[in-house]
Protein backbone atom coordinates (compact mmCIF):
# COMPACT_ATOMS: atom_id res chain seq x y z
CA MET A 1 111.14 -10.49 35.87
CA GLU A 2 108.25 -12.93 36.23
CA GLU A 3 105.90 -10.06 37.10
CA LYS A 4 106.97 -8.25 33.92
CA HIS A 5 106.36 -11.40 31.86
CA ASN A 6 102.89 -11.85 33.39
CA GLU A 7 102.05 -8.21 32.68
CA LYS A 8 103.06 -8.70 29.04
CA LYS A 9 100.83 -11.78 28.80
CA ARG A 10 97.92 -9.83 30.31
CA PHE A 11 98.47 -7.04 27.80
CA LEU A 12 98.49 -9.47 24.86
CA TRP A 13 95.29 -11.07 26.14
CA ARG A 14 93.55 -7.71 26.54
CA LYS A 15 94.78 -6.65 23.10
CA HIS A 16 93.13 -9.66 21.46
CA ILE A 17 89.80 -9.50 23.32
CA ILE A 18 88.44 -7.09 20.70
CA THR A 19 89.31 -9.57 17.95
CA ILE A 20 87.65 -12.38 19.90
CA LEU A 21 84.50 -10.33 20.48
CA SER A 22 84.42 -9.29 16.81
CA LEU A 23 84.67 -12.91 15.70
CA LEU A 24 81.95 -13.83 18.19
CA LEU A 25 79.72 -11.07 16.84
CA GLY A 26 80.30 -12.25 13.28
CA GLY A 27 79.67 -15.86 14.27
CA ILE A 28 76.40 -15.10 16.04
CA CYS A 29 75.12 -12.92 13.20
CA GLY A 30 76.23 -15.51 10.63
CA PHE A 31 74.30 -18.19 12.54
CA LEU A 32 71.18 -16.01 12.70
CA ILE A 33 71.40 -15.21 8.97
CA ALA A 34 71.79 -18.88 8.08
CA ARG A 35 68.96 -19.95 10.37
CA TYR A 36 66.60 -17.40 8.85
CA ALA A 37 67.65 -18.05 5.25
CA LEU A 38 67.43 -21.83 5.58
CA GLN A 39 64.12 -21.78 7.41
CA PRO A 40 61.52 -23.30 5.02
CA SER A 41 58.43 -21.18 4.47
CA GLU A 42 55.01 -22.73 4.05
CA SER A 43 52.69 -21.47 1.30
CA SER A 44 48.91 -21.03 1.66
CA ASP A 45 48.25 -24.49 0.20
CA GLY A 46 50.48 -26.20 2.79
CA VAL A 47 53.45 -26.84 0.47
CA PHE A 48 56.93 -25.78 1.61
CA GLN A 49 58.59 -23.35 -0.79
CA ASN A 50 62.23 -23.29 -1.87
CA ILE A 51 64.56 -20.61 -0.55
CA GLY A 52 64.81 -17.67 -2.94
CA LEU A 53 67.31 -14.87 -3.48
CA TYR A 54 65.04 -12.59 -1.49
CA ASP A 55 65.40 -14.85 1.57
CA MET A 56 69.20 -14.67 1.29
CA ILE A 57 69.52 -10.92 0.77
CA LEU A 58 67.21 -9.77 3.57
CA PRO A 59 69.26 -11.22 6.47
CA PHE A 60 72.47 -9.64 5.16
CA ALA A 61 70.68 -6.32 4.72
CA ALA A 62 69.39 -6.59 8.31
CA PHE A 63 72.95 -7.21 9.54
CA LEU A 64 74.44 -4.25 7.64
CA VAL A 65 71.67 -1.88 8.74
CA SER A 66 72.06 -2.96 12.38
CA PHE A 67 75.85 -2.72 12.31
CA TYR A 68 76.10 0.76 10.80
CA LEU A 69 73.18 2.11 12.80
CA GLN A 70 74.92 1.07 16.01
CA ILE A 71 78.09 2.89 14.87
CA ILE A 72 76.04 6.04 14.31
CA LEU A 73 74.35 5.62 17.70
CA HIS A 74 77.73 5.06 19.36
CA GLU A 75 79.14 8.34 18.09
CA THR A 76 75.85 10.08 18.89
CA GLY A 77 76.27 8.80 22.45
CA HIS A 78 79.66 10.54 22.64
CA LEU A 79 78.03 13.71 21.33
CA ILE A 80 75.26 13.56 23.94
CA GLY A 81 77.73 12.72 26.73
CA GLY A 82 79.95 15.61 25.69
CA LEU A 83 77.09 18.12 25.53
CA LEU A 84 75.86 17.03 28.96
CA SER A 85 79.41 17.59 30.28
CA GLY A 86 79.61 21.12 28.88
CA TYR A 87 81.64 20.33 25.76
CA SER A 88 80.94 22.01 22.40
CA PHE A 89 80.82 20.39 18.97
CA SER A 90 83.95 20.09 16.83
CA SER A 91 83.49 17.16 14.41
CA PHE A 92 81.46 14.00 13.83
CA ARG A 93 82.71 11.15 11.64
CA ILE A 94 81.15 7.86 10.52
CA SER A 95 83.56 5.68 8.53
CA SER A 96 85.23 8.23 6.19
CA PHE A 97 82.29 10.67 6.13
CA MET A 98 82.96 13.64 8.37
CA TRP A 99 81.13 16.80 9.40
CA ILE A 100 83.40 19.42 10.94
CA LYS A 101 82.83 22.87 12.38
CA GLU A 102 85.04 25.43 10.65
CA ARG A 103 84.80 29.09 11.69
CA GLY A 104 81.28 28.69 12.99
CA GLU A 105 79.93 26.64 10.06
CA VAL A 106 79.63 22.87 9.65
CA HIS A 107 81.17 21.46 6.45
CA PHE A 108 81.32 17.97 4.96
CA ARG A 109 84.78 16.41 4.56
CA ARG A 110 86.40 12.98 4.13
CA LEU A 111 88.83 11.28 6.53
CA SER A 112 89.74 7.62 7.14
CA VAL A 113 91.52 6.51 10.33
CA ALA A 114 92.58 2.89 10.74
CA GLY A 115 91.13 1.08 13.73
CA THR A 116 88.09 3.35 14.05
CA GLY A 117 84.57 3.09 12.64
CA GLY A 118 83.85 6.69 13.56
CA GLN A 119 84.77 9.48 15.92
CA CYS A 120 83.07 12.38 17.66
CA LEU A 121 85.49 15.14 18.70
CA MET A 122 84.41 17.96 20.97
CA ILE A 123 85.92 20.96 22.72
CA PRO A 124 86.14 20.82 26.55
CA PRO A 125 84.50 23.53 28.64
CA GLU A 126 86.66 26.42 29.76
CA ASN A 127 87.67 26.32 33.44
CA ASP A 128 90.07 27.86 35.94
CA THR A 129 91.96 24.67 36.87
CA ASP A 130 94.16 24.28 33.78
CA ASP A 131 91.91 21.43 32.56
CA ARG A 132 92.94 19.08 35.37
CA ASP A 133 89.36 18.75 36.61
CA ILE A 134 87.40 18.65 33.37
CA PRO A 135 84.69 15.95 33.20
CA THR A 136 85.70 13.07 30.94
CA THR A 137 83.78 9.91 31.93
CA LEU A 138 80.38 10.75 30.43
CA TYR A 139 81.93 11.93 27.16
CA ASN A 140 84.05 8.79 26.80
CA MET A 141 81.43 6.29 27.95
CA GLY A 142 78.39 7.89 26.27
CA GLY A 143 78.80 5.78 23.12
CA SER A 144 78.87 2.44 24.96
CA ALA A 145 75.93 3.50 27.13
CA VAL A 146 73.77 4.26 24.08
CA ASN A 147 74.80 0.98 22.40
CA LEU A 148 73.85 -0.99 25.52
CA ILE A 149 70.53 0.80 26.06
CA THR A 150 69.39 0.48 22.44
CA GLY A 151 70.65 -3.11 22.27
CA LEU A 152 68.65 -4.16 25.33
CA LEU A 153 65.54 -2.34 24.06
CA ALA A 154 65.83 -4.15 20.72
CA LEU A 155 66.28 -7.47 22.51
CA GLY A 156 63.12 -6.81 24.51
CA ILE A 157 61.18 -6.07 21.32
CA TYR A 158 62.49 -9.25 19.71
CA LEU A 159 61.52 -11.41 22.70
CA THR A 160 57.97 -10.07 22.63
CA SER A 161 57.57 -10.42 18.85
CA GLY A 162 56.75 -13.39 16.65
CA ARG A 163 60.52 -14.02 16.09
CA THR A 164 60.02 -15.29 12.53
CA SER A 165 59.73 -12.19 10.37
CA VAL A 166 62.62 -10.26 8.86
CA MET A 167 61.68 -7.35 11.13
CA SER A 168 62.13 -9.49 14.25
CA LEU A 169 65.46 -10.73 12.83
CA THR A 170 66.54 -7.10 12.34
CA PHE A 171 65.72 -6.30 15.98
CA LEU A 172 67.73 -9.34 17.10
CA MET A 173 70.70 -8.34 14.91
CA PHE A 174 70.44 -4.81 16.25
CA ALA A 175 70.43 -6.12 19.83
CA VAL A 176 73.47 -8.36 19.26
CA ALA A 177 75.40 -5.53 17.55
CA GLY A 178 74.51 -3.03 20.29
CA ILE A 179 75.52 -5.28 23.19
CA ALA A 180 78.71 -6.34 21.38
CA PHE A 181 79.65 -2.71 20.66
CA ALA A 182 79.00 -1.81 24.30
CA LEU A 183 81.36 -4.57 25.46
CA MET A 184 84.07 -3.91 22.85
CA ASN A 185 84.15 -0.19 23.62
CA GLY A 186 83.11 -0.14 27.29
CA LEU A 187 85.44 -2.78 28.74
CA PRO A 188 88.87 -1.15 29.38
CA LEU A 189 91.00 -2.61 26.56
CA GLN A 190 94.12 -1.74 24.58
CA THR A 191 93.99 -2.86 20.96
CA THR A 192 96.68 -3.12 18.29
CA LEU A 193 96.07 0.40 16.96
CA VAL A 194 94.04 2.39 19.50
CA ASN A 195 92.92 2.32 23.13
CA ASN A 196 89.16 1.97 23.49
CA ASP A 197 86.73 4.28 25.29
CA GLY A 198 86.63 2.24 28.49
CA TYR A 199 90.42 2.25 28.78
CA ASN A 200 90.52 6.01 28.20
CA ALA A 201 87.78 6.62 30.77
CA VAL A 202 89.61 4.61 33.44
CA THR A 203 93.03 6.20 32.86
CA LEU A 204 91.55 9.70 32.75
CA SER A 205 89.62 9.18 35.99
CA LYS A 206 92.86 8.36 37.82
CA SER A 207 95.15 11.16 36.66
CA PRO A 208 94.67 14.95 36.60
CA SER A 209 97.71 15.21 34.31
CA ALA A 210 96.11 12.77 31.88
CA ARG A 211 92.91 14.85 31.85
CA GLN A 212 94.97 17.94 31.14
CA ALA A 213 96.70 16.18 28.23
CA PHE A 214 93.37 14.86 26.93
CA ALA A 215 91.86 18.36 26.96
CA ALA A 216 94.93 19.74 25.18
CA GLN A 217 94.49 17.19 22.37
CA LEU A 218 90.89 18.25 21.86
CA ARG A 219 91.71 21.96 21.97
CA LEU A 220 94.55 21.54 19.48
CA ASN A 221 92.23 19.63 17.16
CA ALA A 222 89.81 22.58 17.33
CA TYR A 223 92.64 24.98 16.41
CA LEU A 224 93.49 22.76 13.46
CA ALA A 225 89.85 22.84 12.33
CA GLN A 226 90.05 26.63 12.30
CA GLY A 227 92.97 26.54 9.87
CA ILE A 228 95.75 27.17 12.42
CA ARG A 229 98.98 25.23 11.88
CA ILE A 230 100.51 23.33 14.76
CA LYS A 231 103.59 25.59 14.79
CA ASP A 232 101.33 28.62 15.32
CA MET A 233 99.26 27.17 18.16
CA PRO A 234 99.83 28.28 21.78
CA SER A 235 103.13 26.86 23.02
CA LYS A 236 101.62 26.01 26.45
CA TYR A 237 100.03 22.91 24.93
CA PHE A 238 103.35 21.44 23.79
CA ARG A 239 105.86 19.80 26.07
CA PHE A 240 108.04 16.69 26.13
CA PRO A 241 106.88 14.39 28.96
CA SER A 242 109.36 12.55 31.15
CA ASP A 243 110.03 8.86 30.51
CA GLU A 244 107.84 8.00 33.50
CA GLU A 245 104.97 10.17 32.23
CA MET A 246 105.12 8.45 28.84
CA LYS A 247 103.72 5.32 30.52
CA ASP A 248 100.36 7.09 30.56
CA SER A 249 98.72 6.76 27.13
CA GLN A 250 97.08 10.19 27.27
CA ILE A 251 100.23 12.04 28.30
CA ALA A 252 102.20 10.10 25.67
CA VAL A 253 100.13 11.85 22.99
CA ALA A 254 101.49 15.18 24.30
CA GLY A 255 104.99 14.01 23.39
CA ILE A 256 103.83 12.96 19.94
CA LEU A 257 102.23 16.37 19.35
CA ALA A 258 105.44 18.09 20.47
CA CYS A 259 107.35 16.05 17.87
CA GLY A 260 104.79 17.14 15.27
CA ARG A 261 105.41 20.77 16.16
CA LEU A 262 109.17 20.34 15.62
CA LEU A 263 108.41 18.82 12.23
CA ASP A 264 106.20 21.77 11.25
CA GLU A 265 109.00 24.11 12.34
CA HIS A 266 111.40 22.12 10.09
CA ARG A 267 113.60 21.17 13.03
CA PHE A 268 114.15 17.70 11.60
CA SER A 269 117.19 16.65 13.57
CA GLU A 270 115.54 17.45 16.92
CA ALA A 271 112.32 15.78 15.86
CA LYS A 272 114.19 12.62 14.85
CA GLU A 273 116.04 12.43 18.18
CA TRP A 274 112.85 12.78 20.23
CA ILE A 275 110.99 10.27 18.06
CA MET A 276 113.77 7.71 18.43
CA HIS A 277 113.82 8.33 22.18
CA PHE A 278 110.07 7.82 22.57
CA LEU A 279 109.99 4.73 20.35
CA GLY A 280 112.79 3.22 22.42
CA LEU A 281 110.82 3.50 25.67
CA GLU A 282 108.58 0.88 27.22
CA CYS A 283 105.62 3.23 27.23
CA SER A 284 101.95 3.41 26.35
CA ILE A 285 102.08 4.89 22.85
CA ALA A 286 99.07 3.48 20.99
CA GLY A 287 99.84 1.39 17.90
CA LEU A 288 98.39 3.96 15.51
CA HIS A 289 100.55 6.74 16.96
CA ARG A 290 103.62 4.50 17.06
CA ASN A 291 103.34 3.71 13.35
CA MET A 292 102.75 7.38 12.51
CA LEU A 293 105.88 8.28 14.51
CA ILE A 294 107.87 5.77 12.46
CA CYS A 295 106.64 7.53 9.30
CA ASP A 296 107.97 10.81 10.70
CA GLN A 297 111.24 9.14 11.73
CA ILE A 298 111.71 7.85 8.17
CA TYR A 299 111.12 11.34 6.76
CA CYS A 300 113.42 13.09 9.23
CA SER A 301 116.16 10.50 8.77
CA LEU A 302 116.12 10.98 5.01
CA LEU A 303 116.16 14.76 5.36
CA CYS A 304 119.11 14.42 7.74
CA ARG A 305 120.84 12.47 4.96
CA GLU A 306 121.10 9.14 6.74
CA PRO A 307 122.07 6.25 4.43
CA ALA A 308 119.10 4.86 2.51
CA ARG A 309 119.98 1.33 3.64
CA THR A 310 119.67 2.38 7.29
CA VAL A 311 116.31 4.06 6.74
CA GLU A 312 114.94 1.08 4.78
CA GLN A 313 115.24 -1.02 7.93
CA LEU A 314 112.39 1.01 9.38
CA LEU A 315 110.15 -0.09 6.52
CA THR A 316 109.33 -3.44 8.07
CA LYS A 317 106.56 -5.68 6.75
CA HIS A 318 104.31 -4.45 9.56
CA GLN A 319 105.07 -0.78 8.83
CA LYS A 320 104.43 -1.22 5.10
CA LYS A 321 101.10 -2.90 5.86
CA PHE A 322 100.15 0.00 8.12
CA MET A 323 101.09 2.57 5.50
CA LYS A 324 99.01 0.72 2.93
CA THR A 325 96.04 0.80 5.31
CA MET A 326 96.56 4.55 5.87
CA LYS A 327 97.33 5.28 2.20
CA LYS A 328 95.01 8.30 2.14
CA TYR A 329 96.55 9.98 5.19
CA PRO A 330 98.68 13.07 4.31
CA SER A 331 101.73 12.31 6.45
CA VAL A 332 101.86 8.74 5.11
CA LEU A 333 101.71 10.02 1.52
CA ARG A 334 104.40 12.58 2.35
CA THR A 335 106.64 9.81 3.69
CA GLU A 336 106.01 7.58 0.66
CA TYR A 337 106.75 10.54 -1.62
CA THR A 338 110.05 11.17 0.17
CA CYS A 339 111.00 7.48 0.00
CA ALA A 340 110.28 7.42 -3.73
CA LEU A 341 112.67 10.32 -4.22
CA LEU A 342 115.44 9.79 -1.67
CA ILE A 343 115.53 5.99 -1.49
CA GLU A 344 114.27 4.79 -4.89
CA ASN A 345 115.30 7.87 -6.90
CA ASP A 346 112.03 7.49 -8.80
CA GLY A 347 110.65 10.90 -9.78
CA ARG A 348 107.76 9.41 -11.75
CA LYS A 349 106.53 7.41 -8.77
CA ALA A 350 106.88 10.46 -6.54
CA GLU A 351 104.79 12.52 -8.98
CA LYS A 352 102.06 9.88 -8.90
CA ILE A 353 102.01 9.96 -5.09
CA LYS A 354 101.85 13.74 -5.18
CA GLY A 355 98.80 13.47 -7.45
CA GLN A 356 97.10 11.27 -4.85
CA PHE A 357 98.01 13.83 -2.18
CA GLU A 358 96.44 16.69 -4.13
CA LYS A 359 93.33 14.60 -4.77
CA ILE A 360 92.63 13.97 -1.08
CA SER A 361 93.43 17.60 -0.22
CA LYS A 362 90.13 18.61 -1.83
CA THR A 363 88.07 16.94 0.90
CA TYR A 364 90.57 16.60 3.77
CA PRO A 365 89.16 18.30 6.90
CA TYR A 366 92.32 20.12 8.01
CA PRO A 367 93.75 22.44 5.31
CA ALA A 368 96.45 23.72 7.69
CA ASP A 369 97.70 20.15 8.00
CA MET A 370 97.82 19.86 4.21
CA GLN A 371 99.80 23.10 3.98
CA CYS A 372 102.38 21.74 6.42
CA GLU A 373 102.67 18.41 4.58
CA ARG A 374 102.93 20.12 1.19
CA GLU A 375 105.88 22.17 2.48
CA LEU A 376 107.57 19.01 3.77
CA MET A 377 107.16 17.39 0.35
CA GLU A 378 108.70 20.45 -1.32
CA ILE A 379 111.70 20.25 1.02
CA ALA A 380 112.12 16.57 0.13
CA TYR A 381 111.97 17.45 -3.58
CA ASP A 382 114.63 20.15 -3.13
CA CYS A 383 116.89 17.63 -1.38
CA TRP A 384 116.43 15.22 -4.29
CA GLU A 385 117.29 17.89 -6.86
CA GLU A 386 120.45 18.85 -4.95
CA ARG A 387 121.85 15.32 -5.29
């Protein structure tokens, strides 16, 4: 019992390290900005000049440039690591701006995912070992490696410069951001929403089954990019892991994908039972996936005609906050649409949500996903009309 309590405390500590490092990064950069902005400048006649708007804007600009450039370099590091490991390109996202390969051509799309500043998805190399021996470390750790290398280079440039100009400040900001990103992503950590690259690299290095599940996720994502719905993808990639296997975060995703397939096949009762089973386990489902599963549970419960009062209990303060954060994600909009109809009996609100859904469908990277979600919304509407 005590060992279990200590493990929980260790998990909570690891979960909050990212927040601590983020606050530390912000504090250091804030200090550097203030020190530069408040540093008096001497004019040619020896008189100190007052601080102007220019002196205030430049440090913030240096911080923003450094921060976003390190995000781009981080995802580029994943791309390089993947290519060196034999992977092929699938998609590259910075913030909500995404470039995705569809039927041999790269197209621009929009996608926001909570807890991530970007993402580079690739397709693993084909092999004869059922993906149990695919290389994963270089692909996962490439981003942190590039952040660390560029951060140290920038620090070296700063230390050999005059250290007073805005250019030297930019190099220092760039160095701090790079080293911080390397630590936040390279140290094996579980966060509130997602597991970081270091954690994934460690778990994948230990388990052939986890590598197989990781490769399946990437291959299924590539199918989705080609316009193939999850119900039409090869069945070999979908299985329900045992309770023991669900303790591995990579294998746990396989169970989540299997639930998604049931949903696309409109097997709502089965999907609900599996979702409830997985959510009831002490397993390693990442926070993002857990909240998305709750969205699916809410939908399936309503379609299975469970009492609205029972379903409303799933809409906790935390879940509502998550859904607000992911308000542009199709399955979240589908769930909100269904709640508006089958809990609130508000057709006007549902129509407004449907308008938001159709708006994001124009730039969403996975049209097959949108087709599935649109069908689920139509089923919810039919259920509402039958009342």
